Amino acid sequence: MAARLKRAASVIAFAVALTASCGAPSAGGGAGGAGPASAIPTPMQSLSPQVAATITALRAQLGTAYPLVQLSRAYRPSEPESMLFVPRATLQVDLGAPDQNYVVIYEFTDVGTAAARGRDLATYLASGFGQTNYPPDAQFALSQFGDTLVFAWWSPQSSSAPPQARAAFELIGRFGQPIAVLK
């Protein structure tokens, strides 16, 4: 009986030590870094000044013909691991289709991190794996605006309003400093 208790105590001590050494969140959590594996990103409910400024500038770019509305529901595009826990705002160009014309604005701690993550996202989207969650004819718009990234995509064959969606997509593609996504 004493041997069993001693062995059980040893197993528990080992498990606690293993959990303590492996379970700590990685450095760089929060804006622009990886966070705990259990956290699922949700859209910002309260916009930061940087994201609000990006939205204001993007709305000016789109004009009144393409209203940009903030969503409260989650939307997650296909993205690399480095982007999984980045704070984001999800928006939609309102052309009447409930599940199309999404725009995601990612916020980073600084311009350099935004540029690096923009390159990560462009590389990921250019890879075969990065395109698996999109229609084969999907086109991507990715740009940097200060310490934010703006991402949108559209599919000519899947669009319910091709001329309007294309025009809005092209305006988004010229916003900020475009980052090329080569397929």
C-alpha atoms as a PDB file:
ATOM      1  CA  MET A   1       0.000   0.000   0.000  1.00  0.00           C
ATOM      2  CA  ALA A   2       2.791   2.429   0.908  1.00  0.00           C
ATOM      3  CA  ALA A   3       4.598   1.543  -2.328  1.00  0.00           C
ATOM      4  CA  ARG A   4       1.473   2.327  -4.356  1.00  0.00           C
ATOM      5  CA  LEU A   5       1.037   5.685  -2.636  1.00  0.00           C
ATOM      6  CA  LYS A   6       4.689   6.533  -3.160  1.00  0.00           C
ATOM      7  CA  ARG A   7       4.444   5.602  -6.856  1.00  0.00           C
ATOM      8  CA  ALA A   8       1.210   7.628  -7.263  1.00  0.00           C
ATOM      9  CA  ALA A   9       2.860  10.620  -5.598  1.00  0.00           C
ATOM     10  CA  SER A  10       5.824  10.299  -7.959  1.00  0.00           C
ATOM     11  CA  VAL A  11       3.538  10.179 -11.000  1.00  0.00           C
ATOM     12  CA  ILE A  12       1.632  13.247  -9.801  1.00  0.00           C
ATOM     13  CA  ALA A  13       4.853  15.160  -9.106  1.00  0.00           C
ATOM     14  CA  PHE A  14       6.142  14.274 -12.586  1.00  0.00           C
ATOM     15  CA  ALA A  15       2.870  15.383 -14.208  1.00  0.00           C
ATOM     16  CA  VAL A  16       2.916  18.702 -12.332  1.00  0.00           C
ATOM     17  CA  ALA A  17       6.535  19.327 -13.319  1.00  0.00           C
ATOM     18  CA  LEU A  18       5.819  18.442 -16.948  1.00  0.00           C
ATOM     19  CA  THR A  19       2.752  20.697 -17.050  1.00  0.00           C
ATOM     20  CA  ALA A  20       4.652  23.587 -15.494  1.00  0.00           C
ATOM     21  CA  SER A  21       7.514  23.320 -17.968  1.00  0.00           C
ATOM     22  CA  CYS A  22       5.405  22.789 -21.101  1.00  0.00           C
ATOM     23  CA  GLY A  23       2.182  24.584 -20.343  1.00  0.00           C
ATOM     24  CA  ALA A  24       3.410  28.157 -20.108  1.00  0.00           C
ATOM     25  CA  PRO A  25       2.249  30.436 -22.904  1.00  0.00           C
ATOM     26  CA  SER A  26       4.908  31.300 -25.424  1.00  0.00           C
ATOM     27  CA  ALA A  27       6.624  34.664 -25.326  1.00  0.00           C
ATOM     28  CA  GLY A  28       5.166  37.222 -27.656  1.00  0.00           C
ATOM     29  CA  GLY A  29       1.520  36.647 -26.762  1.00  0.00           C
ATOM     30  CA  GLY A  30      -0.997  39.385 -27.337  1.00  0.00           C
ATOM     31  CA  ALA A  31      -1.030  41.748 -30.257  1.00  0.00           C
ATOM     32  CA  GLY A  32       1.003  40.369 -33.089  1.00  0.00           C
ATOM     33  CA  GLY A  33       2.247  37.262 -31.293  1.00  0.00           C
ATOM     34  CA  ALA A  34       1.110  33.738 -30.618  1.00  0.00           C
ATOM     35  CA  GLY A  35      -1.192  33.278 -27.660  1.00  0.00           C
ATOM     36  CA  PRO A  36      -2.393  30.344 -25.646  1.00  0.00           C
ATOM     37  CA  ALA A  37      -3.597  27.449 -27.782  1.00  0.00           C
ATOM     38  CA  SER A  38      -7.048  27.470 -26.164  1.00  0.00           C
ATOM     39  CA  ALA A  39      -7.912  31.058 -27.122  1.00  0.00           C
ATOM     40  CA  ILE A  40      -9.985  31.542 -30.262  1.00  0.00           C
ATOM     41  CA  PRO A  41      -9.787  34.987 -31.838  1.00  0.00           C
ATOM     42  CA  THR A  42     -13.033  36.853 -31.956  1.00  0.00           C
ATOM     43  CA  PRO A  43     -13.609  40.164 -33.649  1.00  0.00           C
ATOM     44  CA  MET A  44     -12.827  43.257 -31.614  1.00  0.00           C
ATOM     45  CA  GLN A  45     -15.926  44.582 -29.917  1.00  0.00           C
ATOM     46  CA  SER A  46     -14.210  47.851 -29.075  1.00  0.00           C
ATOM     47  CA  LEU A  47     -11.904  49.099 -31.806  1.00  0.00           C
ATOM     48  CA  SER A  48      -8.417  50.321 -31.002  1.00  0.00           C
ATOM     49  CA  PRO A  49      -7.438  53.752 -32.357  1.00  0.00           C
ATOM     50  CA  GLN A  50      -5.207  52.117 -34.999  1.00  0.00           C
ATOM     51  CA  VAL A  51      -7.948  49.821 -36.305  1.00  0.00           C
ATOM     52  CA  ALA A  52     -10.531  52.627 -36.198  1.00  0.00           C
ATOM     53  CA  ALA A  53      -8.189  54.830 -38.270  1.00  0.00           C
ATOM     54  CA  THR A  54      -7.704  52.011 -40.789  1.00  0.00           C
ATOM     55  CA  ILE A  55     -11.461  51.500 -41.090  1.00  0.00           C
ATOM     56  CA  THR A  56     -12.035  55.241 -41.567  1.00  0.00           C
ATOM     57  CA  ALA A  57      -9.410  55.404 -44.324  1.00  0.00           C
ATOM     58  CA  LEU A  58     -10.743  52.238 -45.987  1.00  0.00           C
ATOM     59  CA  ARG A  59     -14.306  53.594 -45.910  1.00  0.00           C
ATOM     60  CA  ALA A  60     -13.034  56.753 -47.606  1.00  0.00           C
ATOM     61  CA  GLN A  61     -11.359  54.582 -50.261  1.00  0.00           C
ATOM     62  CA  LEU A  62     -14.560  52.592 -50.880  1.00  0.00           C
ATOM     63  CA  GLY A  63     -16.882  55.609 -50.860  1.00  0.00           C
ATOM     64  CA  THR A  64     -20.624  55.424 -50.403  1.00  0.00           C
ATOM     65  CA  ALA A  65     -21.123  52.939 -53.231  1.00  0.00           C
ATOM     66  CA  TYR A  66     -19.575  50.139 -51.172  1.00  0.00           C
ATOM     67  CA  PRO A  67     -20.683  50.398 -47.514  1.00  0.00           C
ATOM     68  CA  LEU A  68     -18.268  48.744 -45.095  1.00  0.00           C
ATOM     69  CA  VAL A  69     -19.997  47.385 -41.991  1.00  0.00           C
ATOM     70  CA  GLN A  70     -18.435  45.969 -38.851  1.00  0.00           C
ATOM     71  CA  LEU A  71     -19.481  42.415 -37.988  1.00  0.00           C
ATOM     72  CA  SER A  72     -20.016  41.059 -34.515  1.00  0.00           C
ATOM     73  CA  ARG A  73     -19.966  37.440 -35.669  1.00  0.00           C
ATOM     74  CA  ALA A  74     -16.719  35.568 -36.017  1.00  0.00           C
ATOM     75  CA  TYR A  75     -15.138  35.069 -39.411  1.00  0.00           C
ATOM     76  CA  ARG A  76     -11.778  33.443 -39.825  1.00  0.00           C
ATOM     77  CA  PRO A  77      -9.998  33.271 -43.158  1.00  0.00           C
ATOM     78  CA  SER A  78      -7.379  30.661 -43.842  1.00  0.00           C
ATOM     79  CA  GLU A  79      -4.244  32.027 -42.196  1.00  0.00           C
ATOM     80  CA  PRO A  80      -0.805  30.902 -41.029  1.00  0.00           C
ATOM     81  CA  GLU A  81      -0.143  29.972 -37.426  1.00  0.00           C
ATOM     82  CA  SER A  82       1.624  33.296 -36.837  1.00  0.00           C
ATOM     83  CA  MET A  83      -1.727  35.055 -37.371  1.00  0.00           C
ATOM     84  CA  LEU A  84      -4.017  32.832 -35.295  1.00  0.00           C
ATOM     85  CA  PHE A  85      -4.177  34.990 -32.188  1.00  0.00           C
ATOM     86  CA  VAL A  86      -3.678  38.435 -33.659  1.00  0.00           C
ATOM     87  CA  PRO A  87      -6.362  40.960 -32.628  1.00  0.00           C
ATOM     88  CA  ARG A  88      -8.669  41.631 -35.550  1.00  0.00           C
ATOM     89  CA  ALA A  89     -11.757  43.442 -36.688  1.00  0.00           C
ATOM     90  CA  THR A  90     -14.046  41.696 -39.143  1.00  0.00           C
ATOM     91  CA  LEU A  91     -16.001  43.725 -41.630  1.00  0.00           C
ATOM     92  CA  GLN A  92     -18.010  43.173 -44.756  1.00  0.00           C
ATOM     93  CA  VAL A  93     -18.602  45.181 -47.888  1.00  0.00           C
ATOM     94  CA  ASP A  94     -22.399  45.139 -47.830  1.00  0.00           C
ATOM     95  CA  LEU A  95     -23.540  44.097 -51.289  1.00  0.00           C
ATOM     96  CA  GLY A  96     -26.487  42.043 -50.064  1.00  0.00           C
ATOM     97  CA  ALA A  97     -24.748  38.653 -49.821  1.00  0.00           C
ATOM     98  CA  PRO A  98     -24.546  37.524 -46.182  1.00  0.00           C
ATOM     99  CA  ASP A  99     -21.479  35.277 -46.576  1.00  0.00           C
ATOM    100  CA  GLN A 100     -19.324  37.190 -49.066  1.00  0.00           C
ATOM    101  CA  ASN A 101     -17.081  40.239 -49.318  1.00  0.00           C
ATOM    102  CA  TYR A 102     -15.378  39.910 -45.935  1.00  0.00           C
ATOM    103  CA  VAL A 103     -12.552  42.211 -44.894  1.00  0.00           C
ATOM    104  CA  VAL A 104     -10.283  41.410 -41.962  1.00  0.00           C
ATOM    105  CA  ILE A 105      -8.121  44.071 -40.332  1.00  0.00           C
ATOM    106  CA  TYR A 106      -5.322  42.671 -38.183  1.00  0.00           C
ATOM    107  CA  GLU A 107      -3.617  44.862 -35.580  1.00  0.00           C
ATOM    108  CA  PHE A 108       0.046  44.548 -34.627  1.00  0.00           C
ATOM    109  CA  THR A 109       2.261  46.188 -32.049  1.00  0.00           C
ATOM    110  CA  ASP A 110       4.372  48.021 -34.640  1.00  0.00           C
ATOM    111  CA  VAL A 111       4.920  48.626 -38.341  1.00  0.00           C
ATOM    112  CA  GLY A 112       7.803  46.115 -38.579  1.00  0.00           C
ATOM    113  CA  THR A 113       5.735  43.290 -37.111  1.00  0.00           C
ATOM    114  CA  ALA A 114       2.853  44.126 -39.446  1.00  0.00           C
ATOM    115  CA  ALA A 115       5.215  43.974 -42.447  1.00  0.00           C
ATOM    116  CA  ALA A 116       6.675  40.629 -41.326  1.00  0.00           C
ATOM    117  CA  ARG A 117       3.242  39.091 -40.714  1.00  0.00           C
ATOM    118  CA  GLY A 118       2.065  40.466 -44.057  1.00  0.00           C
ATOM    119  CA  ARG A 119       4.872  38.563 -45.762  1.00  0.00           C
ATOM    120  CA  ASP A 120       3.918  35.439 -43.764  1.00  0.00           C
ATOM    121  CA  LEU A 121       0.286  35.728 -44.838  1.00  0.00           C
ATOM    122  CA  ALA A 122       1.191  36.366 -48.497  1.00  0.00           C
ATOM    123  CA  THR A 123       3.504  33.341 -48.537  1.00  0.00           C
ATOM    124  CA  TYR A 124       0.856  31.188 -46.866  1.00  0.00           C
ATOM    125  CA  LEU A 125      -1.856  32.255 -49.322  1.00  0.00           C
ATOM    126  CA  ALA A 126       0.471  31.583 -52.256  1.00  0.00           C
ATOM    127  CA  SER A 127       1.034  28.022 -51.059  1.00  0.00           C
ATOM    128  CA  GLY A 128      -1.254  25.219 -52.088  1.00  0.00           C
ATOM    129  CA  PHE A 129      -2.225  24.593 -48.469  1.00  0.00           C
ATOM    130  CA  GLY A 130      -3.140  28.243 -47.935  1.00  0.00           C
ATOM    131  CA  GLN A 131      -5.613  28.097 -50.816  1.00  0.00           C
ATOM    132  CA  THR A 132      -7.481  24.963 -49.742  1.00  0.00           C
ATOM    133  CA  ASN A 133     -10.289  26.903 -48.040  1.00  0.00           C
ATOM    134  CA  TYR A 134     -10.971  29.125 -51.037  1.00  0.00           C
ATOM    135  CA  PRO A 135     -12.529  28.490 -54.455  1.00  0.00           C
ATOM    136  CA  PRO A 136      -9.959  27.737 -57.185  1.00  0.00           C
ATOM    137  CA  ASP A 137     -10.483  31.160 -58.813  1.00  0.00           C
ATOM    138  CA  ALA A 138     -10.096  33.124 -55.546  1.00  0.00           C
ATOM    139  CA  GLN A 139      -8.115  36.329 -55.703  1.00  0.00           C
ATOM    140  CA  PHE A 140      -6.521  37.952 -52.662  1.00  0.00           C
ATOM    141  CA  ALA A 141      -6.006  41.565 -51.617  1.00  0.00           C
ATOM    142  CA  LEU A 142      -3.515  42.174 -48.829  1.00  0.00           C
ATOM    143  CA  SER A 143      -2.100  45.522 -47.779  1.00  0.00           C
ATOM    144  CA  GLN A 144      -0.388  47.232 -44.893  1.00  0.00           C
ATOM    145  CA  PHE A 145      -1.698  50.453 -43.403  1.00  0.00           C
ATOM    146  CA  GLY A 146       0.595  51.537 -40.571  1.00  0.00           C
ATOM    147  CA  ASP A 147       0.616  48.791 -37.965  1.00  0.00           C
ATOM    148  CA  THR A 148      -2.431  47.037 -39.435  1.00  0.00           C
ATOM    149  CA  LEU A 149      -2.958  44.587 -42.275  1.00  0.00           C
ATOM    150  CA  VAL A 150      -6.072  44.595 -44.438  1.00  0.00           C
ATOM    151  CA  PHE A 151      -7.087  41.301 -46.049  1.00  0.00           C
ATOM    152  CA  ALA A 152      -9.925  40.515 -48.449  1.00  0.00           C
ATOM    153  CA  TRP A 153     -10.626  37.940 -51.119  1.00  0.00           C
ATOM    154  CA  TRP A 154     -13.202  37.354 -53.804  1.00  0.00           C
ATOM    155  CA  SER A 155     -14.141  34.684 -56.293  1.00  0.00           C
ATOM    156  CA  PRO A 156     -15.609  35.690 -59.653  1.00  0.00           C
ATOM    157  CA  GLN A 157     -17.472  32.372 -59.988  1.00  0.00           C
ATOM    158  CA  SER A 158     -18.852  32.403 -56.426  1.00  0.00           C
ATOM    159  CA  SER A 159     -19.842  36.049 -56.258  1.00  0.00           C
ATOM    160  CA  SER A 160     -23.527  36.933 -56.193  1.00  0.00           C
ATOM    161  CA  ALA A 161     -22.731  40.461 -57.440  1.00  0.00           C
ATOM    162  CA  PRO A 162     -19.625  40.099 -59.657  1.00  0.00           C
ATOM    163  CA  PRO A 163     -19.283  43.652 -61.046  1.00  0.00           C
ATOM    164  CA  GLN A 164     -19.813  45.367 -57.688  1.00  0.00           C
ATOM    165  CA  ALA A 165     -17.744  42.819 -55.731  1.00  0.00           C
ATOM    166  CA  ARG A 166     -14.904  43.116 -58.221  1.00  0.00           C
ATOM    167  CA  ALA A 167     -14.912  46.917 -58.051  1.00  0.00           C
ATOM    168  CA  ALA A 168     -14.910  46.885 -54.227  1.00  0.00           C
ATOM    169  CA  PHE A 169     -12.179  44.219 -54.201  1.00  0.00           C
ATOM    170  CA  GLU A 170      -9.996  46.264 -56.564  1.00  0.00           C
ATOM    171  CA  LEU A 171     -10.384  49.372 -54.380  1.00  0.00           C
ATOM    172  CA  ILE A 172      -9.370  47.344 -51.318  1.00  0.00           C
ATOM    173  CA  GLY A 173      -6.423  45.950 -53.291  1.00  0.00           C
ATOM    174  CA  ARG A 174      -5.121  49.497 -53.924  1.00  0.00           C
ATOM    175  CA  PHE A 175      -5.511  50.565 -50.293  1.00  0.00           C
ATOM    176  CA  GLY A 176      -2.420  51.284 -48.177  1.00  0.00           C
ATOM    177  CA  GLN A 177       0.783  49.542 -49.232  1.00  0.00           C
ATOM    178  CA  PRO A 178      -0.264  46.480 -51.261  1.00  0.00           C
ATOM    179  CA  ILE A 179       1.499  43.190 -50.548  1.00  0.00           C
ATOM    180  CA  ALA A 180       1.544  40.884 -53.550  1.00  0.00           C
ATOM    181  CA  VAL A 181       0.070  37.407 -53.175  1.00  0.00           C
ATOM    182  CA  LEU A 182       1.386  35.283 -56.025  1.00  0.00           C
ATOM    183  CA  LYS A 183      -0.562  32.141 -56.857  1.00  0.00           C
END
